[in-house]
Amino acid sequence: MPKTLPPYKHNRDTRKQAVGPSHLVIRHSKIDSEGCHTTQAIKKGEVVVEYSGPRITIKQADALYDDHPRTYLFGLTDGKHVIDGEGVAAFINHSCDPNCEADEIKGRVWITAIKDIEAGEEVTYDYNLYDGDLDDASLCSCGARECRGSMYSEAELERRAKALRRRTQRLKKKMSRGKGSEKSAL
């Protein structure tokens, strides 16, 4: 695992200053605030950019971004570390109908085109979020025809729905037990 470096915290301008490929720029996005756009065509299968930045532990990330709605974190497959993104890759927005995908290879995250991307187009990938509080909807604003409405993966949305049903059932049982004990006390 690469050496852990100090994270960028919430400073968007510092993140933007990190270098990236010259054909990728940060511009206004229809999806969310700012996004990563390409100034030249990219062919399907081409590596677009590496998602880079300091590697920090999940515990550090939780402390760093507690009560902050915007993060630039990319979870690594070891389940213990995240990349606190910097440069243009940190500004790639989520889409339920993306033109790229993210792949982790030997601890490095590469963004690769899964379809041809035209010059001027926004670069996107499906975040497929897999953790977070049950009450966190992580709403999606990608505008895709088949939008899930959330940045969570389909599997995570199913898991969350089951967990919420179980929680609701437990609360109902608890409430019904409380009402029954009141009746017996009368």
N, C-alpha and C. Protein backbone atom coordinates (compact mmCIF):
# COMPACT_ATOMS: atom_id res chain seq x y z
N MET A 1 0.86 -1.18 0.00
CA MET A 1 0.00 0.00 0.00
C MET A 1 0.90 1.24 0.00
N PRO A 2 0.60 2.21 -0.88
CA PRO A 2 1.40 3.43 -0.92
C PRO A 2 1.34 4.18 0.41
N LYS A 3 2.37 4.97 0.63
CA LYS A 3 2.45 5.77 1.84
C LYS A 3 1.22 6.67 1.98
N THR A 4 0.70 6.77 3.20
CA THR A 4 -0.45 7.63 3.45
C THR A 4 0.00 9.08 3.51
N LEU A 5 -0.63 9.92 2.70
CA LEU A 5 -0.30 11.34 2.64
C LEU A 5 -1.43 12.14 3.27
N PRO A 6 -1.16 13.38 3.65
CA PRO A 6 -2.23 14.19 4.23
C PRO A 6 -3.35 14.43 3.23
N PRO A 7 -4.59 14.32 3.65
CA PRO A 7 -5.71 14.53 2.74
C PRO A 7 -5.95 15.99 2.42
N TYR A 8 -6.75 16.24 1.40
CA TYR A 8 -7.03 17.59 0.94
C TYR A 8 -8.15 18.28 1.70
N LYS A 9 -8.84 17.55 2.53
CA LYS A 9 -10.00 18.05 3.27
C LYS A 9 -11.05 18.50 2.27
N HIS A 10 -11.57 19.69 2.39
CA HIS A 10 -12.70 20.11 1.57
C HIS A 10 -12.30 21.12 0.50
N ASN A 11 -11.03 21.34 0.26
CA ASN A 11 -10.57 22.39 -0.63
C ASN A 11 -10.66 21.98 -2.10
N ARG A 12 -11.72 22.41 -2.78
CA ARG A 12 -11.93 22.07 -4.19
C ARG A 12 -10.85 22.67 -5.09
N ASP A 13 -10.44 23.89 -4.80
CA ASP A 13 -9.46 24.55 -5.65
C ASP A 13 -8.12 23.83 -5.64
N THR A 14 -7.70 23.34 -4.47
CA THR A 14 -6.44 22.59 -4.38
C THR A 14 -6.55 21.32 -5.21
N ARG A 15 -7.68 20.64 -5.15
CA ARG A 15 -7.88 19.42 -5.94
C ARG A 15 -7.75 19.70 -7.43
N LYS A 16 -8.26 20.82 -7.88
CA LYS A 16 -8.24 21.16 -9.30
C LYS A 16 -6.82 21.42 -9.81
N GLN A 17 -5.92 21.83 -8.93
CA GLN A 17 -4.58 22.20 -9.35
C GLN A 17 -3.71 20.99 -9.70
N ALA A 18 -4.09 19.82 -9.22
CA ALA A 18 -3.30 18.63 -9.54
C ALA A 18 -3.34 18.38 -11.04
N VAL A 19 -2.24 17.95 -11.58
CA VAL A 19 -2.16 17.77 -13.03
C VAL A 19 -2.92 16.54 -13.48
N GLY A 20 -3.30 16.55 -14.70
CA GLY A 20 -3.98 15.42 -15.34
C GLY A 20 -3.72 15.51 -16.83
N PRO A 21 -4.28 14.59 -17.59
CA PRO A 21 -4.09 14.66 -19.05
C PRO A 21 -4.62 15.99 -19.60
N SER A 22 -3.92 16.56 -20.56
CA SER A 22 -4.27 17.89 -21.07
C SER A 22 -5.62 17.92 -21.79
N HIS A 23 -6.12 16.77 -22.23
CA HIS A 23 -7.41 16.74 -22.93
C HIS A 23 -8.60 16.62 -21.98
N LEU A 24 -8.35 16.59 -20.67
CA LEU A 24 -9.42 16.55 -19.68
C LEU A 24 -9.46 17.87 -18.93
N VAL A 25 -10.65 18.46 -18.85
CA VAL A 25 -10.82 19.75 -18.19
C VAL A 25 -12.02 19.70 -17.26
N ILE A 26 -12.01 20.58 -16.28
CA ILE A 26 -13.13 20.68 -15.35
C ILE A 26 -14.01 21.84 -15.81
N ARG A 27 -15.29 21.52 -16.05
CA ARG A 27 -16.25 22.53 -16.51
C ARG A 27 -17.57 22.33 -15.78
N HIS A 28 -18.49 23.27 -15.99
CA HIS A 28 -19.83 23.15 -15.43
C HIS A 28 -20.46 21.84 -15.91
N SER A 29 -21.18 21.17 -15.01
CA SER A 29 -21.82 19.90 -15.32
C SER A 29 -23.33 20.00 -15.17
N LYS A 30 -24.07 19.37 -16.06
CA LYS A 30 -25.52 19.27 -15.93
C LYS A 30 -25.89 18.27 -14.84
N ILE A 31 -24.96 17.39 -14.50
CA ILE A 31 -25.22 16.37 -13.48
C ILE A 31 -25.09 16.94 -12.08
N ASP A 32 -23.95 17.56 -11.79
CA ASP A 32 -23.71 18.08 -10.45
C ASP A 32 -22.56 19.08 -10.45
N SER A 33 -22.86 20.34 -10.29
CA SER A 33 -21.85 21.37 -10.09
C SER A 33 -20.81 21.39 -11.22
N GLU A 34 -19.69 20.73 -10.97
CA GLU A 34 -18.61 20.68 -11.96
C GLU A 34 -18.36 19.22 -12.33
N GLY A 35 -17.84 19.03 -13.52
CA GLY A 35 -17.54 17.69 -13.98
C GLY A 35 -16.32 17.68 -14.86
N CYS A 36 -15.85 16.49 -15.14
CA CYS A 36 -14.68 16.28 -15.99
C CYS A 36 -15.16 16.09 -17.43
N HIS A 37 -14.65 16.92 -18.34
CA HIS A 37 -15.02 16.85 -19.75
C HIS A 37 -13.76 16.60 -20.58
N THR A 38 -13.96 15.99 -21.74
CA THR A 38 -12.83 15.76 -22.63
C THR A 38 -12.88 16.76 -23.79
N THR A 39 -11.72 17.21 -24.20
CA THR A 39 -11.64 18.15 -25.33
C THR A 39 -11.32 17.41 -26.63
N GLN A 40 -11.10 16.10 -26.53
CA GLN A 40 -10.85 15.30 -27.74
C GLN A 40 -11.58 13.98 -27.61
N ALA A 41 -11.86 13.36 -28.73
CA ALA A 41 -12.57 12.08 -28.74
C ALA A 41 -11.73 11.00 -28.04
N ILE A 42 -12.43 10.11 -27.35
CA ILE A 42 -11.78 8.98 -26.67
C ILE A 42 -12.48 7.71 -27.17
N LYS A 43 -11.70 6.74 -27.59
CA LYS A 43 -12.24 5.49 -28.12
C LYS A 43 -12.55 4.51 -26.99
N LYS A 44 -13.58 3.69 -27.20
CA LYS A 44 -13.93 2.63 -26.27
C LYS A 44 -12.70 1.77 -26.01
N GLY A 45 -12.45 1.48 -24.72
CA GLY A 45 -11.31 0.65 -24.33
C GLY A 45 -10.08 1.44 -23.92
N GLU A 46 -10.04 2.73 -24.24
CA GLU A 46 -8.87 3.55 -23.89
C GLU A 46 -8.90 3.93 -22.40
N VAL A 47 -7.73 3.96 -21.79
CA VAL A 47 -7.61 4.46 -20.42
C VAL A 47 -7.77 5.98 -20.50
N VAL A 48 -8.67 6.52 -19.69
CA VAL A 48 -8.96 7.95 -19.71
C VAL A 48 -8.06 8.69 -18.73
N VAL A 49 -8.00 8.17 -17.48
CA VAL A 49 -7.22 8.85 -16.45
C VAL A 49 -7.10 7.91 -15.24
N GLU A 50 -6.10 8.15 -14.43
CA GLU A 50 -5.98 7.43 -13.15
C GLU A 50 -6.65 8.27 -12.06
N TYR A 51 -7.42 7.60 -11.20
CA TYR A 51 -8.00 8.26 -10.04
C TYR A 51 -6.90 8.25 -8.98
N SER A 52 -6.32 9.41 -8.73
CA SER A 52 -5.16 9.48 -7.84
C SER A 52 -5.42 10.41 -6.67
N GLY A 53 -4.55 10.31 -5.70
CA GLY A 53 -4.62 11.14 -4.51
C GLY A 53 -4.08 10.37 -3.32
N PRO A 54 -4.04 11.02 -2.18
CA PRO A 54 -3.54 10.36 -0.98
C PRO A 54 -4.40 9.17 -0.60
N ARG A 55 -3.76 8.10 -0.13
CA ARG A 55 -4.47 6.93 0.40
C ARG A 55 -4.62 7.15 1.89
N ILE A 56 -5.86 7.06 2.36
CA ILE A 56 -6.11 7.21 3.79
C ILE A 56 -7.00 6.06 4.24
N THR A 57 -7.04 5.82 5.54
CA THR A 57 -7.89 4.75 6.05
C THR A 57 -9.34 5.21 6.03
N ILE A 58 -10.24 4.24 6.07
CA ILE A 58 -11.66 4.57 6.12
C ILE A 58 -11.97 5.35 7.39
N LYS A 59 -11.32 4.98 8.48
CA LYS A 59 -11.53 5.69 9.75
C LYS A 59 -11.10 7.16 9.61
N GLN A 60 -9.97 7.41 8.97
CA GLN A 60 -9.52 8.79 8.75
C GLN A 60 -10.51 9.54 7.86
N ALA A 61 -10.99 8.88 6.82
CA ALA A 61 -11.95 9.50 5.91
C ALA A 61 -13.25 9.85 6.63
N ASP A 62 -13.72 8.92 7.48
CA ASP A 62 -14.95 9.18 8.24
C ASP A 62 -14.79 10.41 9.13
N ALA A 63 -13.64 10.52 9.79
CA ALA A 63 -13.39 11.67 10.66
C ALA A 63 -13.25 12.95 9.85
N LEU A 64 -12.58 12.85 8.72
CA LEU A 64 -12.31 14.00 7.88
C LEU A 64 -13.57 14.56 7.23
N TYR A 65 -14.45 13.69 6.81
CA TYR A 65 -15.63 14.12 6.06
C TYR A 65 -16.93 13.98 6.84
N ASP A 66 -16.86 13.75 8.13
CA ASP A 66 -18.06 13.68 8.95
C ASP A 66 -18.81 15.00 8.82
N ASP A 67 -20.09 14.94 8.58
CA ASP A 67 -20.94 16.13 8.44
C ASP A 67 -20.57 17.00 7.24
N HIS A 68 -19.95 16.42 6.22
CA HIS A 68 -19.66 17.17 5.00
C HIS A 68 -20.29 16.42 3.83
N PRO A 69 -21.19 17.06 3.11
CA PRO A 69 -21.95 16.35 2.07
C PRO A 69 -21.14 15.98 0.82
N ARG A 70 -20.07 16.68 0.53
CA ARG A 70 -19.30 16.43 -0.69
C ARG A 70 -17.97 15.78 -0.35
N THR A 71 -17.75 14.61 -0.94
CA THR A 71 -16.47 13.94 -0.76
C THR A 71 -15.89 13.57 -2.11
N TYR A 72 -14.64 13.19 -2.12
CA TYR A 72 -13.95 12.78 -3.34
C TYR A 72 -13.27 11.43 -3.08
N LEU A 73 -13.93 10.59 -2.34
CA LEU A 73 -13.34 9.34 -1.88
C LEU A 73 -13.66 8.19 -2.83
N PHE A 74 -12.65 7.36 -3.07
CA PHE A 74 -12.83 6.16 -3.88
C PHE A 74 -12.39 4.98 -3.03
N GLY A 75 -13.33 4.09 -2.71
CA GLY A 75 -13.04 2.94 -1.86
C GLY A 75 -12.22 1.89 -2.58
N LEU A 76 -11.15 1.44 -1.93
CA LEU A 76 -10.29 0.41 -2.52
C LEU A 76 -10.77 -0.98 -2.09
N THR A 77 -10.40 -1.99 -2.87
CA THR A 77 -10.91 -3.34 -2.63
C THR A 77 -10.39 -3.98 -1.35
N ASP A 78 -9.36 -3.41 -0.75
CA ASP A 78 -8.88 -3.99 0.52
C ASP A 78 -9.87 -3.75 1.66
N GLY A 79 -10.85 -2.87 1.43
CA GLY A 79 -11.87 -2.60 2.43
C GLY A 79 -11.38 -1.76 3.60
N LYS A 80 -10.13 -1.31 3.56
CA LYS A 80 -9.54 -0.56 4.67
C LYS A 80 -9.11 0.85 4.28
N HIS A 81 -8.93 1.08 2.98
CA HIS A 81 -8.39 2.35 2.51
C HIS A 81 -9.26 2.96 1.42
N VAL A 82 -9.13 4.28 1.27
CA VAL A 82 -9.78 5.02 0.20
C VAL A 82 -8.75 5.98 -0.39
N ILE A 83 -9.03 6.40 -1.61
CA ILE A 83 -8.23 7.46 -2.23
C ILE A 83 -9.00 8.75 -2.03
N ASP A 84 -8.34 9.76 -1.48
CA ASP A 84 -8.92 11.09 -1.35
C ASP A 84 -8.55 11.83 -2.64
N GLY A 85 -9.44 11.78 -3.61
CA GLY A 85 -9.16 12.18 -4.99
C GLY A 85 -8.64 13.58 -5.18
N GLU A 86 -7.80 13.70 -6.21
CA GLU A 86 -7.26 14.98 -6.62
C GLU A 86 -7.21 15.02 -8.14
N GLY A 87 -7.14 16.20 -8.70
CA GLY A 87 -7.05 16.34 -10.14
C GLY A 87 -8.39 16.12 -10.82
N VAL A 88 -8.37 16.04 -12.14
CA VAL A 88 -9.60 15.97 -12.92
C VAL A 88 -10.42 14.72 -12.61
N ALA A 89 -9.79 13.63 -12.30
CA ALA A 89 -10.52 12.38 -12.02
C ALA A 89 -11.45 12.54 -10.82
N ALA A 90 -11.07 13.37 -9.86
CA ALA A 90 -11.92 13.58 -8.67
C ALA A 90 -13.22 14.28 -9.04
N PHE A 91 -13.29 14.87 -10.21
CA PHE A 91 -14.49 15.60 -10.64
C PHE A 91 -15.34 14.81 -11.63
N ILE A 92 -15.01 13.54 -11.83
CA ILE A 92 -15.84 12.69 -12.69
C ILE A 92 -17.11 12.36 -11.93
N ASN A 93 -18.23 12.70 -12.51
CA ASN A 93 -19.53 12.49 -11.87
C ASN A 93 -20.08 11.10 -12.13
N HIS A 94 -21.01 10.71 -11.27
CA HIS A 94 -21.72 9.45 -11.39
C HIS A 94 -22.76 9.53 -12.49
N SER A 95 -22.98 8.43 -13.18
CA SER A 95 -24.11 8.29 -14.10
C SER A 95 -24.58 6.84 -14.06
N CYS A 96 -25.89 6.67 -14.14
CA CYS A 96 -26.45 5.32 -14.23
C CYS A 96 -26.30 4.76 -15.64
N ASP A 97 -25.93 5.61 -16.60
CA ASP A 97 -25.63 5.21 -17.97
C ASP A 97 -24.28 5.83 -18.34
N PRO A 98 -23.20 5.30 -17.73
CA PRO A 98 -21.88 5.93 -17.86
C PRO A 98 -21.21 5.64 -19.20
N ASN A 99 -20.17 6.44 -19.48
CA ASN A 99 -19.35 6.18 -20.65
C ASN A 99 -17.98 5.60 -20.27
N CYS A 100 -17.75 5.44 -18.97
CA CYS A 100 -16.50 4.86 -18.47
C CYS A 100 -16.79 3.91 -17.32
N GLU A 101 -15.77 3.17 -16.92
CA GLU A 101 -15.84 2.35 -15.72
C GLU A 101 -14.52 2.50 -14.97
N ALA A 102 -14.58 2.23 -13.69
CA ALA A 102 -13.39 2.32 -12.84
C ALA A 102 -12.92 0.90 -12.52
N ASP A 103 -11.64 0.66 -12.67
CA ASP A 103 -11.06 -0.65 -12.36
C ASP A 103 -9.84 -0.46 -11.46
N GLU A 104 -9.79 -1.23 -10.38
CA GLU A 104 -8.61 -1.21 -9.51
C GLU A 104 -7.67 -2.31 -9.94
N ILE A 105 -6.44 -1.92 -10.25
CA ILE A 105 -5.42 -2.87 -10.67
C ILE A 105 -4.18 -2.62 -9.82
N LYS A 106 -3.86 -3.59 -8.98
CA LYS A 106 -2.70 -3.51 -8.09
C LYS A 106 -2.70 -2.22 -7.27
N GLY A 107 -3.86 -1.89 -6.70
CA GLY A 107 -3.97 -0.73 -5.81
C GLY A 107 -4.11 0.61 -6.51
N ARG A 108 -4.10 0.61 -7.83
CA ARG A 108 -4.28 1.85 -8.59
C ARG A 108 -5.64 1.79 -9.28
N VAL A 109 -6.30 2.92 -9.38
CA VAL A 109 -7.64 2.97 -9.97
C VAL A 109 -7.56 3.67 -11.32
N TRP A 110 -8.01 2.95 -12.35
CA TRP A 110 -7.98 3.46 -13.71
C TRP A 110 -9.40 3.66 -14.22
N ILE A 111 -9.64 4.78 -14.85
CA ILE A 111 -10.92 5.08 -15.47
C ILE A 111 -10.76 4.79 -16.96
N THR A 112 -11.58 3.86 -17.47
CA THR A 112 -11.46 3.39 -18.85
C THR A 112 -12.78 3.62 -19.58
N ALA A 113 -12.71 4.02 -20.83
CA ALA A 113 -13.90 4.25 -21.65
C ALA A 113 -14.58 2.92 -21.97
N ILE A 114 -15.90 2.84 -21.74
CA ILE A 114 -16.65 1.63 -22.10
C ILE A 114 -17.50 1.87 -23.36
N LYS A 115 -17.41 3.08 -23.87
CA LYS A 115 -18.02 3.42 -25.17
C LYS A 115 -17.23 4.60 -25.73
N ASP A 116 -17.40 4.85 -27.00
CA ASP A 116 -16.74 6.01 -27.61
C ASP A 116 -17.28 7.28 -26.96
N ILE A 117 -16.38 8.22 -26.68
CA ILE A 117 -16.74 9.49 -26.05
C ILE A 117 -16.36 10.61 -27.01
N GLU A 118 -17.30 11.48 -27.30
CA GLU A 118 -17.05 12.59 -28.23
C GLU A 118 -16.36 13.76 -27.53
N ALA A 119 -15.61 14.54 -28.29
CA ALA A 119 -15.00 15.76 -27.76
C ALA A 119 -16.09 16.65 -27.19
N GLY A 120 -15.85 17.21 -26.01
CA GLY A 120 -16.81 18.09 -25.34
C GLY A 120 -17.74 17.35 -24.39
N GLU A 121 -17.78 16.02 -24.47
CA GLU A 121 -18.68 15.22 -23.64
C GLU A 121 -18.14 15.10 -22.21
N GLU A 122 -19.07 15.01 -21.27
CA GLU A 122 -18.67 14.80 -19.87
C GLU A 122 -18.31 13.34 -19.66
N VAL A 123 -17.23 13.10 -18.94
CA VAL A 123 -16.76 11.76 -18.60
C VAL A 123 -17.50 11.34 -17.32
N THR A 124 -18.08 10.13 -17.33
CA THR A 124 -18.84 9.64 -16.17
C THR A 124 -18.54 8.16 -15.93
N TYR A 125 -18.76 7.72 -14.70
CA TYR A 125 -18.78 6.28 -14.41
C TYR A 125 -19.82 6.04 -13.33
N ASP A 126 -20.24 4.79 -13.20
CA ASP A 126 -21.24 4.42 -12.20
C ASP A 126 -20.51 4.21 -10.87
N TYR A 127 -20.82 5.03 -9.88
CA TYR A 127 -20.15 4.94 -8.60
C TYR A 127 -20.42 3.61 -7.91
N ASN A 128 -21.58 3.02 -8.12
CA ASN A 128 -21.91 1.75 -7.47
C ASN A 128 -21.57 1.78 -5.99
N LEU A 129 -22.05 2.80 -5.29
CA LEU A 129 -21.76 2.92 -3.85
C LEU A 129 -22.23 1.67 -3.13
N TYR A 130 -21.53 1.33 -2.05
CA TYR A 130 -21.80 0.08 -1.36
C TYR A 130 -21.80 0.22 0.16
N ASP A 131 -21.69 1.41 0.68
CA ASP A 131 -21.71 1.58 2.13
C ASP A 131 -22.33 2.93 2.46
N GLY A 132 -22.54 3.14 3.72
CA GLY A 132 -23.14 4.39 4.17
C GLY A 132 -24.31 4.10 5.09
N ASP A 133 -24.77 5.13 5.76
CA ASP A 133 -25.90 4.99 6.67
C ASP A 133 -27.16 4.61 5.90
N LEU A 134 -28.01 3.80 6.52
CA LEU A 134 -29.25 3.38 5.88
C LEU A 134 -30.13 4.57 5.48
N ASP A 135 -30.04 5.64 6.23
CA ASP A 135 -30.85 6.82 5.94
C ASP A 135 -30.28 7.69 4.82
N ASP A 136 -29.07 7.37 4.36
CA ASP A 136 -28.42 8.13 3.29
C ASP A 136 -28.90 7.60 1.94
N ALA A 137 -29.67 8.39 1.22
CA ALA A 137 -30.20 7.96 -0.08
C ALA A 137 -29.18 8.11 -1.21
N SER A 138 -28.18 8.97 -1.04
CA SER A 138 -27.21 9.28 -2.10
C SER A 138 -27.94 9.41 -3.43
N LEU A 139 -28.83 10.38 -3.48
CA LEU A 139 -29.67 10.59 -4.65
C LEU A 139 -28.85 10.87 -5.90
N CYS A 140 -29.32 10.34 -6.99
CA CYS A 140 -28.66 10.52 -8.29
C CYS A 140 -29.36 11.61 -9.07
N SER A 141 -28.58 12.42 -9.77
CA SER A 141 -29.15 13.47 -10.62
C SER A 141 -28.59 13.37 -12.04
N CYS A 142 -28.27 12.13 -12.46
CA CYS A 142 -27.61 11.96 -13.76
C CYS A 142 -28.52 12.23 -14.95
N GLY A 143 -29.82 12.04 -14.78
CA GLY A 143 -30.75 12.30 -15.87
C GLY A 143 -30.82 11.19 -16.91
N ALA A 144 -30.20 10.05 -16.65
CA ALA A 144 -30.25 8.93 -17.61
C ALA A 144 -31.67 8.38 -17.71
N ARG A 145 -32.03 7.87 -18.86
CA ARG A 145 -33.36 7.31 -19.07
C ARG A 145 -33.66 6.20 -18.06
N GLU A 146 -32.68 5.37 -17.75
CA GLU A 146 -32.84 4.25 -16.81
C GLU A 146 -32.20 4.55 -15.46
N CYS A 147 -32.29 5.78 -15.02
CA CYS A 147 -31.68 6.20 -13.75
C CYS A 147 -32.28 5.41 -12.58
N ARG A 148 -31.40 4.92 -11.68
CA ARG A 148 -31.85 4.18 -10.48
C ARG A 148 -32.38 5.13 -9.41
N GLY A 149 -32.04 6.42 -9.53
CA GLY A 149 -32.44 7.39 -8.52
C GLY A 149 -31.47 7.47 -7.36
N SER A 150 -30.45 6.65 -7.39
CA SER A 150 -29.45 6.59 -6.32
C SER A 150 -28.10 6.22 -6.91
N MET A 151 -27.04 6.68 -6.25
CA MET A 151 -25.70 6.31 -6.69
C MET A 151 -25.28 4.95 -6.12
N TYR A 152 -26.13 4.35 -5.28
CA TYR A 152 -25.84 3.01 -4.77
C TYR A 152 -26.05 1.99 -5.88
N SER A 153 -25.29 0.91 -5.82
CA SER A 153 -25.44 -0.17 -6.80
C SER A 153 -26.80 -0.83 -6.62
N GLU A 154 -27.25 -1.55 -7.64
CA GLU A 154 -28.53 -2.25 -7.54
C GLU A 154 -28.51 -3.25 -6.38
N ALA A 155 -27.40 -3.98 -6.22
CA ALA A 155 -27.29 -4.94 -5.13
C ALA A 155 -27.38 -4.24 -3.77
N GLU A 156 -26.74 -3.09 -3.65
CA GLU A 156 -26.78 -2.35 -2.39
C GLU A 156 -28.18 -1.80 -2.12
N LEU A 157 -28.87 -1.37 -3.16
CA LEU A 157 -30.24 -0.88 -2.98
C LEU A 157 -31.14 -2.00 -2.48
N GLU A 158 -30.96 -3.21 -2.99
CA GLU A 158 -31.73 -4.38 -2.52
C GLU A 158 -31.40 -4.68 -1.06
N ARG A 159 -30.10 -4.68 -0.73
CA ARG A 159 -29.67 -4.95 0.65
C ARG A 159 -30.26 -3.92 1.60
N ARG A 160 -30.25 -2.66 1.20
CA ARG A 160 -30.78 -1.58 2.03
C ARG A 160 -32.29 -1.71 2.22
N ALA A 161 -32.99 -2.07 1.16
CA ALA A 161 -34.45 -2.24 1.25
C ALA A 161 -34.78 -3.34 2.25
N LYS A 162 -34.04 -4.45 2.20
CA LYS A 162 -34.25 -5.56 3.15
C LYS A 162 -33.95 -5.10 4.57
N ALA A 163 -32.85 -4.38 4.75
CA ALA A 163 -32.47 -3.91 6.08
C ALA A 163 -33.52 -2.95 6.63
N LEU A 164 -34.04 -2.08 5.79
CA LEU A 164 -35.08 -1.15 6.24
C LEU A 164 -36.37 -1.89 6.61
N ARG A 165 -36.73 -2.93 5.82
CA ARG A 165 -37.91 -3.74 6.16
C ARG A 165 -37.72 -4.42 7.51
N ARG A 166 -36.53 -5.00 7.73
CA ARG A 166 -36.24 -5.66 9.03
C ARG A 166 -36.33 -4.65 10.17
N ARG A 167 -35.77 -3.47 9.97
CA ARG A 167 -35.80 -2.44 11.00
C ARG A 167 -37.25 -2.03 11.30
N THR A 168 -38.04 -1.87 10.26
CA THR A 168 -39.45 -1.50 10.44
C THR A 168 -40.20 -2.60 11.19
N GLN A 169 -39.95 -3.85 10.84
CA GLN A 169 -40.60 -4.97 11.52
C GLN A 169 -40.22 -5.01 13.00
N ARG A 170 -38.95 -4.79 13.30
CA ARG A 170 -38.50 -4.78 14.70
C ARG A 170 -39.19 -3.66 15.47
N LEU A 171 -39.30 -2.48 14.84
CA LEU A 171 -39.96 -1.36 15.51
C LEU A 171 -41.43 -1.65 15.75
N LYS A 172 -42.10 -2.27 14.78
CA LYS A 172 -43.51 -2.63 14.94
C LYS A 172 -43.69 -3.62 16.09
N LYS A 173 -42.81 -4.63 16.15
CA LYS A 173 -42.87 -5.62 17.24
C LYS A 173 -42.66 -4.94 18.58
N LYS A 174 -41.68 -4.07 18.63
CA LYS A 174 -41.37 -3.37 19.87
C LYS A 174 -42.56 -2.51 20.31
N MET A 175 -43.17 -1.83 19.36
CA MET A 175 -44.33 -0.98 19.67
C MET A 175 -45.52 -1.84 20.13
N SER A 176 -45.74 -2.98 19.46
CA SER A 176 -46.88 -3.82 19.84
C SER A 176 -46.66 -4.44 21.21
N ARG A 177 -45.43 -4.77 21.56
CA ARG A 177 -45.13 -5.30 22.91
C ARG A 177 -45.40 -4.24 23.96
N GLY A 178 -45.05 -3.00 23.64
CA GLY A 178 -45.27 -1.89 24.57
C GLY A 178 -46.74 -1.66 24.82
N LYS A 179 -47.56 -1.76 23.78
CA LYS A 179 -49.00 -1.56 23.93
C LYS A 179 -49.62 -2.69 24.73
N GLY A 180 -49.15 -3.91 24.51
CA GLY A 180 -49.67 -5.07 25.25
C GLY A 180 -49.38 -4.99 26.73
N SER A 181 -48.23 -4.49 27.10
CA SER A 181 -47.87 -4.39 28.52
C SER A 181 -48.68 -3.29 29.20
N GLU A 182 -49.07 -2.24 28.42
CA GLU A 182 -49.93 -1.20 29.00
C GLU A 182 -51.31 -1.76 29.32
N LYS A 183 -51.83 -2.61 28.43
CA LYS A 183 -53.15 -3.21 28.63
C LYS A 183 -53.15 -4.11 29.86
N SER A 184 -52.09 -4.91 30.01
CA SER A 184 -52.05 -5.82 31.16
C SER A 184 -51.89 -5.06 32.47
N ALA A 185 -51.33 -3.89 32.41
CA ALA A 185 -51.13 -3.10 33.62
C ALA A 185 -52.44 -2.47 34.09
N LEU A 186 -53.43 -2.34 33.17
CA LEU A 186 -54.72 -1.75 33.54
C LEU A 186 -55.49 -2.75 34.27
